[in-house]
């Protein structure tokens, strides 16, 4: 599927256009996730830390010949959170600079007991409050998956 998507983007994109993508497939029998990352960040957040998911390849649309076959598998332990945000959250401008990754991960960690949709709402609310009177430059979207 990824080579086909890449070919379509390469054929239709203007110079300099590309698409980052993080594709995650859940296996409910093993409670594992196989993921492929084409330049789009994602994190696994545990009670004590957060680690970024490995990037397998460059974003889609750069080269029609790119091999998009690599992937990794992960298993979330109870209480772990899989966070997949768009860059509009980390890149939200404020008086102190950008909202940033550290602040984003800390907000998610502080709200780890909340339902997944409340973590997303809290994260976006925090980024909007951080921006103060400045209007965000990009969309703010996140997917949160919590392991029970």
Protein backbone atom coordinates (compact mmCIF):
# COMPACT_ATOMS: atom_id res chain seq x y z
CA UNK A 1 0.00 0.00 0.00
CA UNK A 2 2.75 2.49 0.89
CA UNK A 3 4.62 2.21 -2.43
CA UNK A 4 1.33 2.86 -4.27
CA UNK A 5 0.57 5.91 -2.11
CA UNK A 6 4.12 7.17 -2.64
CA UNK A 7 3.81 6.80 -6.43
CA UNK A 8 0.53 8.78 -6.41
CA UNK A 9 2.05 11.57 -4.32
CA UNK A 10 5.19 11.69 -6.50
CA UNK A 11 3.06 11.87 -9.64
CA UNK A 12 0.73 14.59 -8.36
CA UNK A 13 2.82 16.71 -6.03
CA UNK A 14 4.43 19.98 -7.01
CA UNK A 15 8.11 20.48 -6.23
CA UNK A 16 8.77 20.57 -2.52
CA UNK A 17 5.49 18.87 -1.57
CA UNK A 18 5.65 15.74 0.57
CA UNK A 19 3.58 13.85 3.12
CA UNK A 20 4.70 12.48 6.47
CA UNK A 21 2.86 9.39 7.62
CA UNK A 22 2.68 7.13 10.64
CA UNK A 23 0.68 4.00 9.93
CA UNK A 24 -0.23 1.76 12.88
CA UNK A 25 -1.94 -1.62 12.63
CA UNK A 26 -3.30 -3.15 15.84
CA UNK A 27 -3.46 -6.91 16.36
CA UNK A 28 -6.13 -7.45 19.06
CA UNK A 29 -5.14 -11.12 19.54
CA UNK A 30 -1.62 -10.24 20.70
CA UNK A 31 -2.35 -6.64 21.78
CA UNK A 32 0.59 -5.60 19.64
CA UNK A 33 1.01 -2.81 17.12
CA UNK A 34 2.97 -2.96 13.90
CA UNK A 35 3.93 0.48 12.70
CA UNK A 36 5.63 2.12 9.77
CA UNK A 37 6.94 5.65 10.09
CA UNK A 38 7.63 7.85 7.05
CA UNK A 39 8.94 10.90 8.88
CA UNK A 40 5.94 11.48 11.17
CA UNK A 41 6.70 11.46 14.90
CA UNK A 42 4.93 9.29 17.43
CA UNK A 43 5.73 8.46 21.05
CA UNK A 44 5.15 5.74 23.59
CA UNK A 45 4.67 7.39 26.96
CA UNK A 46 5.09 5.33 30.09
CA UNK A 47 4.69 6.37 33.69
CA UNK A 48 8.37 7.31 33.92
CA UNK A 49 9.40 8.45 30.43
CA UNK A 50 8.53 8.88 26.77
CA UNK A 51 10.35 7.47 23.78
CA UNK A 52 9.95 8.46 20.17
CA UNK A 53 9.01 5.80 17.65
CA UNK A 54 11.74 4.94 15.18
CA UNK A 55 11.49 6.50 11.72
CA UNK A 56 11.81 3.92 8.95
CA UNK A 57 12.01 6.11 5.89
CA UNK A 58 11.79 9.62 4.46
CA UNK A 59 8.36 11.19 3.94
CA UNK A 60 6.23 10.08 1.00
CA UNK A 61 6.64 12.01 -2.25
CA UNK A 62 10.41 12.59 -2.30
CA UNK A 63 11.39 9.68 -4.53
CA UNK A 64 9.35 7.16 -6.47
CA UNK A 65 12.03 4.48 -5.83
CA UNK A 66 12.05 4.64 -2.01
CA UNK A 67 11.68 1.27 -0.26
CA UNK A 68 8.79 1.51 2.23
CA UNK A 69 8.88 -2.09 3.44
CA UNK A 70 10.47 -1.69 6.91
CA UNK A 71 8.33 -1.73 10.05
CA UNK A 72 8.58 -2.37 13.79
CA UNK A 73 6.30 -4.08 16.28
CA UNK A 74 5.57 -2.83 19.75
CA UNK A 75 3.47 -4.02 22.67
CA UNK A 76 1.99 -1.48 25.03
CA UNK A 77 1.99 -2.42 28.69
CA UNK A 78 -1.02 -1.52 30.85
CA UNK A 79 -0.91 2.23 31.46
CA UNK A 80 1.25 3.00 28.42
CA UNK A 81 0.05 5.61 25.95
CA UNK A 82 0.69 5.75 22.21
CA UNK A 83 0.66 9.41 21.11
CA UNK A 84 0.47 10.35 17.42
CA UNK A 85 0.23 14.16 17.04
CA UNK A 86 0.52 16.48 14.08
CA UNK A 87 3.38 18.97 14.26
CA UNK A 88 0.94 21.84 14.76
CA UNK A 89 0.88 21.07 18.49
CA UNK A 90 4.64 21.20 19.11
CA UNK A 91 5.05 24.15 16.73
CA UNK A 92 2.36 26.31 18.37
CA UNK A 93 3.98 29.72 18.92
CA UNK A 94 3.76 31.55 22.23
CA UNK A 95 5.55 34.33 24.09
CA UNK A 96 8.13 31.78 25.35
CA UNK A 97 8.86 30.35 21.88
CA UNK A 98 7.28 27.14 20.65
CA UNK A 99 5.05 24.83 22.71
CA UNK A 100 7.56 22.06 22.04
CA UNK A 101 7.88 18.33 22.46
CA UNK A 102 8.92 18.36 26.13
CA UNK A 103 5.85 20.35 27.15
CA UNK A 104 3.60 18.16 24.97
CA UNK A 105 4.88 14.93 26.53
CA UNK A 106 4.60 16.36 30.06
CA UNK A 107 0.95 17.35 29.50
CA UNK A 108 0.13 13.81 28.30
CA UNK A 109 2.00 12.27 31.24
CA UNK A 110 0.14 14.52 33.72
CA UNK A 111 -3.20 13.48 32.25
CA UNK A 112 -2.38 9.77 31.89
CA UNK A 113 -5.28 8.73 34.15
CA UNK A 114 -7.82 10.50 31.91
CA UNK A 115 -9.70 8.84 29.07
CA UNK A 116 -7.90 9.05 25.71
CA UNK A 117 -10.25 11.68 24.28
CA UNK A 118 -9.76 13.86 27.38
CA UNK A 119 -5.97 13.62 26.99
CA UNK A 120 -6.32 14.89 23.41
CA UNK A 121 -8.65 17.72 24.50
CA UNK A 122 -6.32 18.69 27.36
CA UNK A 123 -3.28 18.69 25.10
CA UNK A 124 -4.91 20.89 22.48
CA UNK A 125 -6.36 23.22 25.14
CA UNK A 126 -2.87 23.59 26.70
CA UNK A 127 -1.34 24.45 23.31
CA UNK A 128 -4.06 27.03 22.61
CA UNK A 129 -3.60 28.60 26.06
CA UNK A 130 0.18 28.65 25.48
CA UNK A 131 -0.32 30.59 22.24
CA UNK A 132 -2.07 33.41 24.15
CA UNK A 133 -3.08 36.08 21.67
CA UNK A 134 -1.10 34.50 18.82
CA UNK A 135 -3.09 32.47 16.35
CA UNK A 136 -1.71 28.93 15.77
CA UNK A 137 -0.11 28.53 12.32
CA UNK A 138 -1.16 24.92 11.72
CA UNK A 139 -3.78 22.32 12.56
CA UNK A 140 -3.61 20.64 15.96
CA UNK A 141 -4.59 16.99 15.80
CA UNK A 142 -3.61 14.02 17.95
CA UNK A 143 -4.50 10.37 18.30
CA UNK A 144 -4.06 8.79 21.72
CA UNK A 145 -4.27 5.06 22.36
CA UNK A 146 -4.16 3.89 25.98
CA UNK A 147 -3.30 0.33 26.96
CA UNK A 148 -5.59 -1.07 29.63
